[in-house]
Amino acid sequence: MPHIIAAVKTYATVGEICNVLRDEFGEYQPGGTM
């Protein structure tokens, strides 16, 4: 969280922050149905 706050303070956009998080953790993939 501190890194995200630091990015916001340096005027990073939401899209830029989301792209970094997506690169790091990947996109959500819902599981199959039971």
N, C-alpha and C. Protein backbone atom coordinates (compact mmCIF):
# COMPACT_ATOMS: atom_id res chain seq x y z
N MET A 1 0.80 -1.19 0.00
CA MET A 1 0.00 0.00 0.00
C MET A 1 0.85 1.27 0.00
N PRO A 2 1.94 1.31 0.76
CA PRO A 2 2.76 2.52 0.74
C PRO A 2 3.29 2.85 -0.65
N HIS A 3 3.58 1.82 -1.45
CA HIS A 3 4.09 2.07 -2.80
C HIS A 3 3.01 2.69 -3.69
N ILE A 4 1.77 2.27 -3.50
CA ILE A 4 0.67 2.84 -4.29
C ILE A 4 0.46 4.30 -3.90
N ILE A 5 0.51 4.58 -2.62
CA ILE A 5 0.36 5.97 -2.15
C ILE A 5 1.48 6.84 -2.71
N ALA A 6 2.70 6.32 -2.71
CA ALA A 6 3.82 7.08 -3.27
C ALA A 6 3.62 7.34 -4.75
N ALA A 7 3.09 6.35 -5.48
CA ALA A 7 2.82 6.53 -6.91
C ALA A 7 1.77 7.61 -7.13
N VAL A 8 0.73 7.62 -6.31
CA VAL A 8 -0.32 8.63 -6.44
C VAL A 8 0.24 10.02 -6.16
N LYS A 9 1.11 10.12 -5.19
CA LYS A 9 1.71 11.42 -4.86
C LYS A 9 2.57 11.95 -5.99
N THR A 10 3.08 11.06 -6.85
CA THR A 10 3.88 11.49 -8.01
C THR A 10 3.02 11.56 -9.26
N TYR A 11 1.70 11.63 -9.07
CA TYR A 11 0.73 11.83 -10.14
C TYR A 11 0.65 10.67 -11.13
N ALA A 12 0.87 9.44 -10.67
CA ALA A 12 0.64 8.28 -11.52
C ALA A 12 -0.86 8.13 -11.71
N THR A 13 -1.27 7.73 -12.89
CA THR A 13 -2.70 7.57 -13.15
C THR A 13 -3.17 6.21 -12.63
N VAL A 14 -4.49 6.07 -12.49
CA VAL A 14 -5.06 4.80 -12.05
C VAL A 14 -4.70 3.71 -13.05
N GLY A 15 -4.73 4.04 -14.33
CA GLY A 15 -4.38 3.07 -15.37
C GLY A 15 -2.95 2.59 -15.24
N GLU A 16 -2.03 3.50 -14.96
CA GLU A 16 -0.63 3.12 -14.80
C GLU A 16 -0.45 2.20 -13.59
N ILE A 17 -1.12 2.53 -12.51
CA ILE A 17 -1.03 1.70 -11.31
C ILE A 17 -1.63 0.32 -11.57
N CYS A 18 -2.78 0.29 -12.24
CA CYS A 18 -3.43 -0.99 -12.56
C CYS A 18 -2.57 -1.84 -13.47
N ASN A 19 -1.91 -1.22 -14.44
CA ASN A 19 -1.04 -1.97 -15.35
C ASN A 19 0.11 -2.63 -14.59
N VAL A 20 0.68 -1.93 -13.64
CA VAL A 20 1.76 -2.51 -12.84
C VAL A 20 1.24 -3.67 -12.01
N LEU A 21 0.08 -3.50 -11.38
CA LEU A 21 -0.49 -4.58 -10.58
C LEU A 21 -0.86 -5.77 -11.45
N ARG A 22 -1.39 -5.52 -12.64
CA ARG A 22 -1.74 -6.59 -13.57
C ARG A 22 -0.50 -7.35 -14.00
N ASP A 23 0.59 -6.64 -14.28
CA ASP A 23 1.84 -7.29 -14.67
C ASP A 23 2.38 -8.15 -13.53
N GLU A 24 2.24 -7.66 -12.31
CA GLU A 24 2.79 -8.37 -11.15
C GLU A 24 1.95 -9.58 -10.75
N PHE A 25 0.62 -9.41 -10.70
CA PHE A 25 -0.25 -10.45 -10.15
C PHE A 25 -1.09 -11.16 -11.20
N GLY A 26 -1.19 -10.61 -12.41
CA GLY A 26 -2.02 -11.21 -13.44
C GLY A 26 -3.47 -10.77 -13.31
N GLU A 27 -4.27 -11.18 -14.28
CA GLU A 27 -5.69 -10.83 -14.27
C GLU A 27 -6.49 -11.91 -13.56
N TYR A 28 -7.59 -11.50 -12.96
CA TYR A 28 -8.47 -12.44 -12.27
C TYR A 28 -9.09 -13.39 -13.27
N GLN A 29 -9.01 -14.66 -12.99
CA GLN A 29 -9.63 -15.69 -13.81
C GLN A 29 -10.61 -16.45 -12.92
N PRO A 30 -11.92 -16.29 -13.16
CA PRO A 30 -12.88 -16.99 -12.32
C PRO A 30 -12.72 -18.50 -12.47
N GLY A 31 -12.95 -19.21 -11.39
CA GLY A 31 -12.85 -20.66 -11.41
C GLY A 31 -14.01 -21.27 -12.18
N GLY A 32 -13.88 -22.53 -12.51
CA GLY A 32 -14.94 -23.23 -13.22
C GLY A 32 -16.14 -23.46 -12.32
N THR A 33 -17.26 -23.78 -12.92
CA THR A 33 -18.46 -24.07 -12.13
C THR A 33 -18.38 -25.48 -11.59
N MET A 34 -19.07 -25.69 -10.51
CA MET A 34 -19.04 -27.01 -9.87
C MET A 34 -20.07 -27.91 -10.43
